[in-house]
Amino acid sequence: MRELGVQKIYVSGFRNLTFRPGIEHMFTSAMIREIGRAKAFELVNSERDADAVLSGSVTSADSSPGSSKEFDVGVVGVDQRKMNVAAEYTASV
């Protein structure tokens, strides 16, 4: 993209076309984080300052537990139980 003269990118908020409330905010934040991490472009805070604008729509989203951790729950010595809780999730959009 640099050969096309794109050095500064503005990431516009993505639209949510799914039934998952707030997924567009999570996806937009993740996109900004990944572009910033790659350091190939400078992220800017307005379209006016950008050479290119990245925008789009989230049309489907799915997630599932990727791994879990076991925790002790209940009162120690009285009602001790173990519970598995998701430690991370795998997502696709």
C-alpha atoms as a PDB file:
ATOM      1  CA  MET A   1       0.000   0.000   0.000  1.00  0.00           C
ATOM      2  CA  ARG A   2       2.929   2.334   0.585  1.00  0.00           C
ATOM      3  CA  GLU A   3       3.714   2.203  -3.133  1.00  0.00           C
ATOM      4  CA  LEU A   4       0.189   3.564  -3.674  1.00  0.00           C
ATOM      5  CA  GLY A   5       0.940   6.513  -1.398  1.00  0.00           C
ATOM      6  CA  VAL A   6      -0.933   5.192   1.647  1.00  0.00           C
ATOM      7  CA  GLN A   7       0.948   5.922   4.840  1.00  0.00           C
ATOM      8  CA  LYS A   8      -1.788   7.110   7.188  1.00  0.00           C
ATOM      9  CA  ILE A   9      -4.938   5.069   7.848  1.00  0.00           C
ATOM     10  CA  TYR A  10      -8.139   5.973   9.647  1.00  0.00           C
ATOM     11  CA  VAL A  11     -10.210   3.016  10.871  1.00  0.00           C
ATOM     12  CA  SER A  12     -13.892   3.878  10.728  1.00  0.00           C
ATOM     13  CA  GLY A  13     -16.251   2.127  13.134  1.00  0.00           C
ATOM     14  CA  PHE A  14     -17.469  -1.123  11.621  1.00  0.00           C
ATOM     15  CA  ARG A  15     -21.204  -1.741  11.206  1.00  0.00           C
ATOM     16  CA  ASN A  16     -22.869  -4.622  13.002  1.00  0.00           C
ATOM     17  CA  LEU A  17     -25.117  -6.746  10.782  1.00  0.00           C
ATOM     18  CA  THR A  18     -25.310  -9.614  13.292  1.00  0.00           C
ATOM     19  CA  PHE A  19     -27.461 -10.327  16.320  1.00  0.00           C
ATOM     20  CA  ARG A  20     -24.402 -10.017  18.635  1.00  0.00           C
ATOM     21  CA  PRO A  21     -24.631  -6.642  20.427  1.00  0.00           C
ATOM     22  CA  GLY A  22     -21.342  -4.756  20.609  1.00  0.00           C
ATOM     23  CA  ILE A  23     -19.382  -7.073  18.304  1.00  0.00           C
ATOM     24  CA  GLU A  24     -18.668  -4.137  15.981  1.00  0.00           C
ATOM     25  CA  HIS A  25     -16.847  -2.291  18.784  1.00  0.00           C
ATOM     26  CA  MET A  26     -14.761  -5.349  19.665  1.00  0.00           C
ATOM     27  CA  PHE A  27     -13.877  -5.921  16.004  1.00  0.00           C
ATOM     28  CA  THR A  28     -13.008  -2.257  15.373  1.00  0.00           C
ATOM     29  CA  SER A  29     -10.758  -2.210  18.459  1.00  0.00           C
ATOM     30  CA  ALA A  30      -9.061  -5.440  17.392  1.00  0.00           C
ATOM     31  CA  MET A  31      -8.473  -4.080  13.883  1.00  0.00           C
ATOM     32  CA  ILE A  32      -6.910  -0.882  15.253  1.00  0.00           C
ATOM     33  CA  ARG A  33      -4.734  -2.904  17.645  1.00  0.00           C
ATOM     34  CA  GLU A  34      -3.466  -5.200  14.860  1.00  0.00           C
ATOM     35  CA  ILE A  35      -2.693  -2.363  12.444  1.00  0.00           C
ATOM     36  CA  GLY A  36      -0.855  -0.540  15.227  1.00  0.00           C
ATOM     37  CA  ARG A  37       1.072  -3.682  16.168  1.00  0.00           C
ATOM     38  CA  ALA A  38       2.232  -4.241  12.571  1.00  0.00           C
ATOM     39  CA  LYS A  39       3.636  -0.681  12.390  1.00  0.00           C
ATOM     40  CA  ALA A  40       3.280  -0.666   8.601  1.00  0.00           C
ATOM     41  CA  PHE A  41       1.029   2.396   8.702  1.00  0.00           C
ATOM     42  CA  GLU A  42       0.426   5.380  10.927  1.00  0.00           C
ATOM     43  CA  LEU A  43      -3.012   5.331  12.522  1.00  0.00           C
ATOM     44  CA  VAL A  44      -4.733   8.720  12.572  1.00  0.00           C
ATOM     45  CA  ASN A  45      -7.784   9.955  14.485  1.00  0.00           C
ATOM     46  CA  SER A  46      -9.744  11.515  11.628  1.00  0.00           C
ATOM     47  CA  GLU A  47     -10.586  10.852   7.996  1.00  0.00           C
ATOM     48  CA  ARG A  48      -9.280  14.329   7.160  1.00  0.00           C
ATOM     49  CA  ASP A  49      -5.730  13.331   8.198  1.00  0.00           C
ATOM     50  CA  ALA A  50      -5.771   9.933   6.440  1.00  0.00           C
ATOM     51  CA  ASP A  51      -4.530   8.747   3.063  1.00  0.00           C
ATOM     52  CA  ALA A  52      -7.033   5.857   3.265  1.00  0.00           C
ATOM     53  CA  VAL A  53     -10.105   4.937   5.306  1.00  0.00           C
ATOM     54  CA  LEU A  54     -10.740   1.354   6.400  1.00  0.00           C
ATOM     55  CA  SER A  55     -14.415   0.541   6.943  1.00  0.00           C
ATOM     56  CA  GLY A  56     -16.668  -2.458   6.742  1.00  0.00           C
ATOM     57  CA  SER A  57     -19.422  -4.536   8.262  1.00  0.00           C
ATOM     58  CA  VAL A  58     -19.388  -7.534  10.559  1.00  0.00           C
ATOM     59  CA  THR A  59     -21.825  -9.906   8.871  1.00  0.00           C
ATOM     60  CA  SER A  60     -21.332 -12.983  11.059  1.00  0.00           C
ATOM     61  CA  ALA A  61     -19.652 -13.755  14.353  1.00  0.00           C
ATOM     62  CA  ASP A  62     -19.091 -16.927  16.337  1.00  0.00           C
ATOM     63  CA  SER A  63     -17.122 -17.789  19.461  1.00  0.00           C
ATOM     64  CA  SER A  64     -16.367 -20.885  21.482  1.00  0.00           C
ATOM     65  CA  PRO A  65     -14.284 -21.672  24.571  1.00  0.00           C
ATOM     66  CA  GLY A  66     -10.669 -22.323  23.617  1.00  0.00           C
ATOM     67  CA  SER A  67      -9.369 -23.477  27.008  1.00  0.00           C
ATOM     68  CA  SER A  68     -10.583 -23.603  30.573  1.00  0.00           C
ATOM     69  CA  LYS A  69      -9.270 -23.314  34.138  1.00  0.00           C
ATOM     70  CA  GLU A  70     -10.524 -25.180  37.176  1.00  0.00           C
ATOM     71  CA  PHE A  71     -11.460 -23.154  40.272  1.00  0.00           C
ATOM     72  CA  ASP A  72     -12.507 -24.153  43.770  1.00  0.00           C
ATOM     73  CA  VAL A  73     -15.898 -22.707  44.681  1.00  0.00           C
ATOM     74  CA  GLY A  74     -17.951 -22.818  47.846  1.00  0.00           C
ATOM     75  CA  VAL A  75     -16.950 -22.561  51.489  1.00  0.00           C
ATOM     76  CA  VAL A  76     -13.651 -24.294  52.294  1.00  0.00           C
ATOM     77  CA  GLY A  77     -14.232 -27.466  54.306  1.00  0.00           C
ATOM     78  CA  VAL A  78     -18.022 -27.175  54.091  1.00  0.00           C
ATOM     79  CA  ASP A  79     -19.191 -27.218  50.492  1.00  0.00           C
ATOM     80  CA  GLN A  80     -16.048 -27.546  48.381  1.00  0.00           C
ATOM     81  CA  ARG A  81     -16.637 -27.962  44.638  1.00  0.00           C
ATOM     82  CA  LYS A  82     -14.662 -27.469  41.472  1.00  0.00           C
ATOM     83  CA  MET A  83     -15.864 -25.404  38.531  1.00  0.00           C
ATOM     84  CA  ASN A  84     -14.403 -25.163  35.030  1.00  0.00           C
ATOM     85  CA  VAL A  85     -14.454 -21.626  33.616  1.00  0.00           C
ATOM     86  CA  ALA A  86     -13.412 -20.574  30.124  1.00  0.00           C
ATOM     87  CA  ALA A  87      -9.971 -18.948  30.226  1.00  0.00           C
ATOM     88  CA  GLU A  88      -9.958 -17.865  26.585  1.00  0.00           C
ATOM     89  CA  TYR A  89     -12.251 -17.914  23.596  1.00  0.00           C
ATOM     90  CA  THR A  90     -11.741 -18.573  19.924  1.00  0.00           C
ATOM     91  CA  ALA A  91     -13.629 -16.128  17.704  1.00  0.00           C
ATOM     92  CA  SER A  92     -14.325 -15.848  14.003  1.00  0.00           C
ATOM     93  CA  VAL A  93     -15.885 -12.919  12.175  1.00  0.00           C
END
